[in-house]
Amino acid sequence: AVTIDDAAISFADYQTAYSNLYSLYQ
């Protein structure tokens, strides 16, 4: 989903974080 220099964040982790944030606001 995104790289920061030599670190990578996967789509799965992005989606998990988004789902958690969505649930929080819900």
PDB file of all heavy atoms in Angstrom:
ATOM      1  N   ALA A   1       0.821  -1.203   0.000  1.00  0.00           N
ATOM      2  CA  ALA A   1       0.000   0.000   0.000  1.00  0.00           C
ATOM      3  C   ALA A   1       0.858   1.257   0.000  1.00  0.00           C
ATOM      4  O   ALA A   1       0.562   2.222  -0.700  1.00  0.00           O
ATOM      5  CB  ALA A   1      -0.928   0.001   1.214  1.00  0.00           C
ATOM      6  N   VAL A   2       1.927   1.247   0.797  1.00  0.00           N
ATOM      7  CA  VAL A   2       2.800   2.420   0.882  1.00  0.00           C
ATOM      8  C   VAL A   2       4.183   1.963   1.345  1.00  0.00           C
ATOM      9  O   VAL A   2       4.306   1.039   2.146  1.00  0.00           O
ATOM     10  CB  VAL A   2       2.221   3.479   1.852  1.00  0.00           C
ATOM     11  CG1 VAL A   2       2.030   2.912   3.238  1.00  0.00           C
ATOM     12  CG2 VAL A   2       3.112   4.723   1.919  1.00  0.00           C
ATOM     13  N   THR A   3       5.208   2.603   0.795  1.00  0.00           N
ATOM     14  CA  THR A   3       6.569   2.364   1.272  1.00  0.00           C
ATOM     15  C   THR A   3       7.121   3.651   1.862  1.00  0.00           C
ATOM     16  O   THR A   3       6.850   4.742   1.368  1.00  0.00           O
ATOM     17  CB  THR A   3       7.501   1.888   0.138  1.00  0.00           C
ATOM     18  OG1 THR A   3       7.520   2.873  -0.905  1.00  0.00           O
ATOM     19  CG2 THR A   3       7.034   0.568  -0.430  1.00  0.00           C
ATOM     20  N   ILE A   4       7.861   3.493   2.949  1.00  0.00           N
ATOM     21  CA  ILE A   4       8.553   4.609   3.587  1.00  0.00           C
ATOM     22  C   ILE A   4      10.023   4.227   3.613  1.00  0.00           C
ATOM     23  O   ILE A   4      10.441   3.415   4.441  1.00  0.00           O
ATOM     24  CB  ILE A   4       8.031   4.881   5.021  1.00  0.00           C
ATOM     25  CG1 ILE A   4       6.508   5.105   5.009  1.00  0.00           C
ATOM     26  CG2 ILE A   4       8.740   6.079   5.626  1.00  0.00           C
ATOM     27  CD1 ILE A   4       5.715   3.907   5.379  1.00  0.00           C
ATOM     28  N   ASP A   5      10.776   4.784   2.663  1.00  0.00           N
ATOM     29  CA  ASP A   5      12.177   4.385   2.479  1.00  0.00           C
ATOM     30  C   ASP A   5      12.237   2.866   2.250  1.00  0.00           C
ATOM     31  O   ASP A   5      11.697   2.372   1.280  1.00  0.00           O
ATOM     32  CB  ASP A   5      13.032   4.843   3.663  1.00  0.00           C
ATOM     33  CG  ASP A   5      13.083   6.370   3.752  1.00  0.00           C
ATOM     34  OD1 ASP A   5      13.054   7.018   2.682  1.00  0.00           O
ATOM     35  OD2 ASP A   5      13.135   6.892   4.861  1.00  0.00           O
ATOM     36  N   ASP A   6      12.861   2.132   3.168  1.00  0.00           N
ATOM     37  CA  ASP A   6      13.012   0.689   2.967  1.00  0.00           C
ATOM     38  C   ASP A   6      11.943  -0.119   3.695  1.00  0.00           C
ATOM     39  O   ASP A   6      12.018  -1.342   3.763  1.00  0.00           O
ATOM     40  CB  ASP A   6      14.395   0.236   3.441  1.00  0.00           C
ATOM     41  CG  ASP A   6      14.611   0.519   4.923  1.00  0.00           C
ATOM     42  OD1 ASP A   6      13.828   1.306   5.489  1.00  0.00           O
ATOM     43  OD2 ASP A   6      15.561  -0.027   5.499  1.00  0.00           O
ATOM     44  N   ALA A   7      10.932   0.547   4.248  1.00  0.00           N
ATOM     45  CA  ALA A   7       9.855  -0.155   4.948  1.00  0.00           C
ATOM     46  C   ALA A   7       8.607  -0.186   4.068  1.00  0.00           C
ATOM     47  O   ALA A   7       8.336   0.752   3.318  1.00  0.00           O
ATOM     48  CB  ALA A   7       9.533   0.551   6.262  1.00  0.00           C
ATOM     49  N   ALA A   8       7.863  -1.280   4.158  1.00  0.00           N
ATOM     50  CA  ALA A   8       6.658  -1.436   3.344  1.00  0.00           C
ATOM     51  C   ALA A   8       5.477  -1.792   4.228  1.00  0.00           C
ATOM     52  O   ALA A   8       5.596  -2.601   5.147  1.00  0.00           O
ATOM     53  CB  ALA A   8       6.870  -2.510   2.290  1.00  0.00           C
ATOM     54  N   ILE A   9       4.335  -1.177   3.936  1.00  0.00           N
ATOM     55  CA  ILE A   9       3.080  -1.499   4.624  1.00  0.00           C
ATOM     56  C   ILE A   9       2.175  -2.170   3.601  1.00  0.00           C
ATOM     57  O   ILE A   9       1.906  -1.602   2.540  1.00  0.00           O
ATOM     58  CB  ILE A   9       2.405  -0.238   5.192  1.00  0.00           C
ATOM     59  CG1 ILE A   9       3.317   0.404   6.241  1.00  0.00           C
ATOM     60  CG2 ILE A   9       1.050  -0.575   5.797  1.00  0.00           C
ATOM     61  CD1 ILE A   9       2.827   1.751   6.732  1.00  0.00           C
ATOM     62  N   SER A  10       1.710  -3.356   3.909  1.00  0.00           N
ATOM     63  CA  SER A  10       0.925  -4.130   2.947  1.00  0.00           C
ATOM     64  C   SER A  10      -0.500  -3.611   2.854  1.00  0.00           C
ATOM     65  O   SER A  10      -0.995  -2.911   3.750  1.00  0.00           O
ATOM     66  CB  SER A  10       0.906  -5.599   3.344  1.00  0.00           C
ATOM     67  OG  SER A  10       0.104  -5.777   4.502  1.00  0.00           O
ATOM     68  N   PHE A  11      -1.155  -4.004   1.761  1.00  0.00           N
ATOM     69  CA  PHE A  11      -2.570  -3.673   1.605  1.00  0.00           C
ATOM     70  C   PHE A  11      -3.387  -4.280   2.748  1.00  0.00           C
ATOM     71  O   PHE A  11      -4.336  -3.669   3.230  1.00  0.00           O
ATOM     72  CB  PHE A  11      -3.098  -4.205   0.270  1.00  0.00           C
ATOM     73  CG  PHE A  11      -2.947  -3.233  -0.856  1.00  0.00           C
ATOM     74  CD1 PHE A  11      -1.876  -3.332  -1.729  1.00  0.00           C
ATOM     75  CD2 PHE A  11      -3.857  -2.217  -1.047  1.00  0.00           C
ATOM     76  CE1 PHE A  11      -1.726  -2.438  -2.771  1.00  0.00           C
ATOM     77  CE2 PHE A  11      -3.718  -1.317  -2.081  1.00  0.00           C
ATOM     78  CZ  PHE A  11      -2.654  -1.416  -2.958  1.00  0.00           C
ATOM     79  N   ALA A  12      -3.022  -5.473   3.153  1.00  0.00           N
ATOM     80  CA  ALA A  12      -3.764  -6.140   4.225  1.00  0.00           C
ATOM     81  C   ALA A  12      -3.696  -5.335   5.516  1.00  0.00           C
ATOM     82  O   ALA A  12      -4.702  -5.160   6.213  1.00  0.00           O
ATOM     83  CB  ALA A  12      -3.212  -7.544   4.448  1.00  0.00           C
ATOM     84  N   ASP A  13      -2.497  -4.822   5.848  1.00  0.00           N
ATOM     85  CA  ASP A  13      -2.354  -4.025   7.068  1.00  0.00           C
ATOM     86  C   ASP A  13      -3.081  -2.689   6.942  1.00  0.00           C
ATOM     87  O   ASP A  13      -3.683  -2.199   7.901  1.00  0.00           O
ATOM     88  CB  ASP A  13      -0.878  -3.795   7.384  1.00  0.00           C
ATOM     89  CG  ASP A  13      -0.207  -5.071   7.871  1.00  0.00           C
ATOM     90  OD1 ASP A  13      -0.851  -5.827   8.603  1.00  0.00           O
ATOM     91  OD2 ASP A  13       0.956  -5.300   7.499  1.00  0.00           O
ATOM     92  N   TYR A  14      -3.016  -2.098   5.743  1.00  0.00           N
ATOM     93  CA  TYR A  14      -3.750  -0.840   5.521  1.00  0.00           C
ATOM     94  C   TYR A  14      -5.243  -1.079   5.718  1.00  0.00           C
ATOM     95  O   TYR A  14      -5.930  -0.297   6.387  1.00  0.00           O
ATOM     96  CB  TYR A  14      -3.470  -0.307   4.117  1.00  0.00           C
ATOM     97  CG  TYR A  14      -4.333   0.889   3.758  1.00  0.00           C
ATOM     98  CD1 TYR A  14      -3.933   2.180   4.097  1.00  0.00           C
ATOM     99  CD2 TYR A  14      -5.548   0.720   3.102  1.00  0.00           C
ATOM    100  CE1 TYR A  14      -4.730   3.273   3.786  1.00  0.00           C
ATOM    101  CE2 TYR A  14      -6.350   1.805   2.796  1.00  0.00           C
ATOM    102  CZ  TYR A  14      -5.938   3.076   3.134  1.00  0.00           C
ATOM    103  OH  TYR A  14      -6.750   4.151   2.830  1.00  0.00           O
ATOM    104  N   GLN A  15      -5.757  -2.180   5.127  1.00  0.00           N
ATOM    105  CA  GLN A  15      -7.187  -2.454   5.219  1.00  0.00           C
ATOM    106  C   GLN A  15      -7.602  -2.753   6.650  1.00  0.00           C
ATOM    107  O   GLN A  15      -8.673  -2.341   7.105  1.00  0.00           O
ATOM    108  CB  GLN A  15      -7.565  -3.626   4.310  1.00  0.00           C
ATOM    109  CG  GLN A  15      -9.065  -3.834   4.157  1.00  0.00           C
ATOM    110  CD  GLN A  15      -9.776  -2.602   3.638  1.00  0.00           C
ATOM    111  OE1 GLN A  15      -9.312  -1.968   2.697  1.00  0.00           O
ATOM    112  NE2 GLN A  15     -10.892  -2.246   4.264  1.00  0.00           N
ATOM    113  N   THR A  16      -6.752  -3.462   7.385  1.00  0.00           N
ATOM    114  CA  THR A  16      -7.050  -3.744   8.789  1.00  0.00           C
ATOM    115  C   THR A  16      -7.130  -2.451   9.595  1.00  0.00           C
ATOM    116  O   THR A  16      -8.047  -2.247  10.394  1.00  0.00           O
ATOM    117  CB  THR A  16      -5.970  -4.657   9.391  1.00  0.00           C
ATOM    118  OG1 THR A  16      -5.994  -5.907   8.696  1.00  0.00           O
ATOM    119  CG2 THR A  16      -6.229  -4.909  10.875  1.00  0.00           C
ATOM    120  N   ALA A  17      -6.154  -1.569   9.371  1.00  0.00           N
ATOM    121  CA  ALA A  17      -6.142  -0.290  10.085  1.00  0.00           C
ATOM    122  C   ALA A  17      -7.363   0.544   9.717  1.00  0.00           C
ATOM    123  O   ALA A  17      -8.001   1.155  10.583  1.00  0.00           O
ATOM    124  CB  ALA A  17      -4.863   0.480   9.754  1.00  0.00           C
ATOM    125  N   TYR A  18      -7.707   0.554   8.425  1.00  0.00           N
ATOM    126  CA  TYR A  18      -8.884   1.318   7.986  1.00  0.00           C
ATOM    127  C   TYR A  18     -10.156   0.750   8.617  1.00  0.00           C
ATOM    128  O   TYR A  18     -11.015   1.506   9.096  1.00  0.00           O
ATOM    129  CB  TYR A  18      -8.987   1.295   6.465  1.00  0.00           C
ATOM    130  CG  TYR A  18     -10.278   1.895   5.950  1.00  0.00           C
ATOM    131  CD1 TYR A  18     -10.482   3.269   5.961  1.00  0.00           C
ATOM    132  CD2 TYR A  18     -11.304   1.074   5.487  1.00  0.00           C
ATOM    133  CE1 TYR A  18     -11.666   3.814   5.522  1.00  0.00           C
ATOM    134  CE2 TYR A  18     -12.490   1.616   5.042  1.00  0.00           C
ATOM    135  CZ  TYR A  18     -12.667   2.980   5.059  1.00  0.00           C
ATOM    136  OH  TYR A  18     -13.852   3.517   4.622  1.00  0.00           O
ATOM    137  N   SER A  19     -10.287  -0.577   8.626  1.00  0.00           N
ATOM    138  CA  SER A  19     -11.475  -1.212   9.199  1.00  0.00           C
ATOM    139  C   SER A  19     -11.595  -0.898  10.685  1.00  0.00           C
ATOM    140  O   SER A  19     -12.689  -0.638  11.195  1.00  0.00           O
ATOM    141  CB  SER A  19     -11.419  -2.729   8.989  1.00  0.00           C
ATOM    142  OG  SER A  19     -11.444  -3.043   7.616  1.00  0.00           O
ATOM    143  N   ASN A  20     -10.454  -0.912  11.397  1.00  0.00           N
ATOM    144  CA  ASN A  20     -10.471  -0.583  12.823  1.00  0.00           C
ATOM    145  C   ASN A  20     -10.902   0.863  13.054  1.00  0.00           C
ATOM    146  O   ASN A  20     -11.701   1.162  13.945  1.00  0.00           O
ATOM    147  CB  ASN A  20      -9.094  -0.824  13.437  1.00  0.00           C
ATOM    148  CG  ASN A  20      -8.795  -2.294  13.613  1.00  0.00           C
ATOM    149  OD1 ASN A  20      -9.685  -3.131  13.562  1.00  0.00           O
ATOM    150  ND2 ASN A  20      -7.533  -2.627  13.800  1.00  0.00           N
ATOM    151  N   LEU A  21     -10.363   1.767  12.239  1.00  0.00           N
ATOM    152  CA  LEU A  21     -10.721   3.177  12.377  1.00  0.00           C
ATOM    153  C   LEU A  21     -12.192   3.383  12.034  1.00  0.00           C
ATOM    154  O   LEU A  21     -12.903   4.140  12.705  1.00  0.00           O
ATOM    155  CB  LEU A  21      -9.834   4.031  11.464  1.00  0.00           C
ATOM    156  CG  LEU A  21      -9.877   5.546  11.699  1.00  0.00           C
ATOM    157  CD1 LEU A  21      -9.369   5.889  13.096  1.00  0.00           C
ATOM    158  CD2 LEU A  21      -9.040   6.277  10.651  1.00  0.00           C
ATOM    159  N   TYR A  22     -12.654   2.714  10.986  1.00  0.00           N
ATOM    160  CA  TYR A  22     -14.061   2.787  10.578  1.00  0.00           C
ATOM    161  C   TYR A  22     -14.960   2.321  11.728  1.00  0.00           C
ATOM    162  O   TYR A  22     -15.950   2.977  12.059  1.00  0.00           O
ATOM    163  CB  TYR A  22     -14.270   1.916   9.342  1.00  0.00           C
ATOM    164  CG  TYR A  22     -15.654   1.985   8.745  1.00  0.00           C
ATOM    165  CD1 TYR A  22     -15.919   2.829   7.670  1.00  0.00           C
ATOM    166  CD2 TYR A  22     -16.687   1.205   9.238  1.00  0.00           C
ATOM    167  CE1 TYR A  22     -17.189   2.894   7.116  1.00  0.00           C
ATOM    168  CE2 TYR A  22     -17.956   1.267   8.695  1.00  0.00           C
ATOM    169  CZ  TYR A  22     -18.201   2.104   7.631  1.00  0.00           C
ATOM    170  OH  TYR A  22     -19.465   2.173   7.091  1.00  0.00           O
ATOM    171  N   SER A  23     -14.597   1.191  12.346  1.00  0.00           N
ATOM    172  CA  SER A  23     -15.389   0.648  13.452  1.00  0.00           C
ATOM    173  C   SER A  23     -15.415   1.602  14.635  1.00  0.00           C
ATOM    174  O   SER A  23     -16.443   1.753  15.304  1.00  0.00           O
ATOM    175  CB  SER A  23     -14.823  -0.707  13.891  1.00  0.00           C
ATOM    176  OG  SER A  23     -14.902  -1.643  12.849  1.00  0.00           O
ATOM    177  N   LEU A  24     -14.285   2.243  14.878  1.00  0.00           N
ATOM    178  CA  LEU A  24     -14.204   3.193  15.987  1.00  0.00           C
ATOM    179  C   LEU A  24     -15.193   4.336  15.796  1.00  0.00           C
ATOM    180  O   LEU A  24     -15.988   4.654  16.688  1.00  0.00           O
ATOM    181  CB  LEU A  24     -12.778   3.739  16.100  1.00  0.00           C
ATOM    182  CG  LEU A  24     -12.565   4.840  17.148  1.00  0.00           C
ATOM    183  CD1 LEU A  24     -12.855   4.320  18.537  1.00  0.00           C
ATOM    184  CD2 LEU A  24     -11.151   5.384  17.067  1.00  0.00           C
ATOM    185  N   TYR A  25     -15.175   4.941  14.615  1.00  0.00           N
ATOM    186  CA  TYR A  25     -16.082   6.057  14.359  1.00  0.00           C
ATOM    187  C   TYR A  25     -17.532   5.600  14.272  1.00  0.00           C
ATOM    188  O   TYR A  25     -18.448   6.335  14.637  1.00  0.00           O
ATOM    189  CB  TYR A  25     -15.670   6.793  13.077  1.00  0.00           C
ATOM    190  CG  TYR A  25     -14.546   7.761  13.313  1.00  0.00           C
ATOM    191  CD1 TYR A  25     -13.223   7.408  13.070  1.00  0.00           C
ATOM    192  CD2 TYR A  25     -14.793   9.030  13.821  1.00  0.00           C
ATOM    193  CE1 TYR A  25     -12.181   8.284  13.300  1.00  0.00           C
ATOM    194  CE2 TYR A  25     -13.763   9.922  14.058  1.00  0.00           C
ATOM    195  CZ  TYR A  25     -12.456   9.542  13.794  1.00  0.00           C
ATOM    196  OH  TYR A  25     -11.433  10.416  14.032  1.00  0.00           O
ATOM    197  N   GLN A  26     -17.739   4.373  13.793  1.00  0.00           N
ATOM    198  CA  GLN A  26     -19.095   3.823  13.735  1.00  0.00           C
ATOM    199  C   GLN A  26     -19.657   3.666  15.145  1.00  0.00           C
ATOM    200  O   GLN A  26     -20.834   3.942  15.396  1.00  0.00           O
ATOM    201  CB  GLN A  26     -19.065   2.482  13.021  1.00  0.00           C
ATOM    202  CG  GLN A  26     -20.416   2.005  12.514  1.00  0.00           C
ATOM    203  CD  GLN A  26     -20.279   0.757  11.670  1.00  0.00           C
ATOM    204  OE1 GLN A  26     -19.521  -0.149  12.002  1.00  0.00           O
ATOM    205  NE2 GLN A  26     -21.005   0.692  10.573  1.00  0.00           N
TER     206      GLN A  26
END
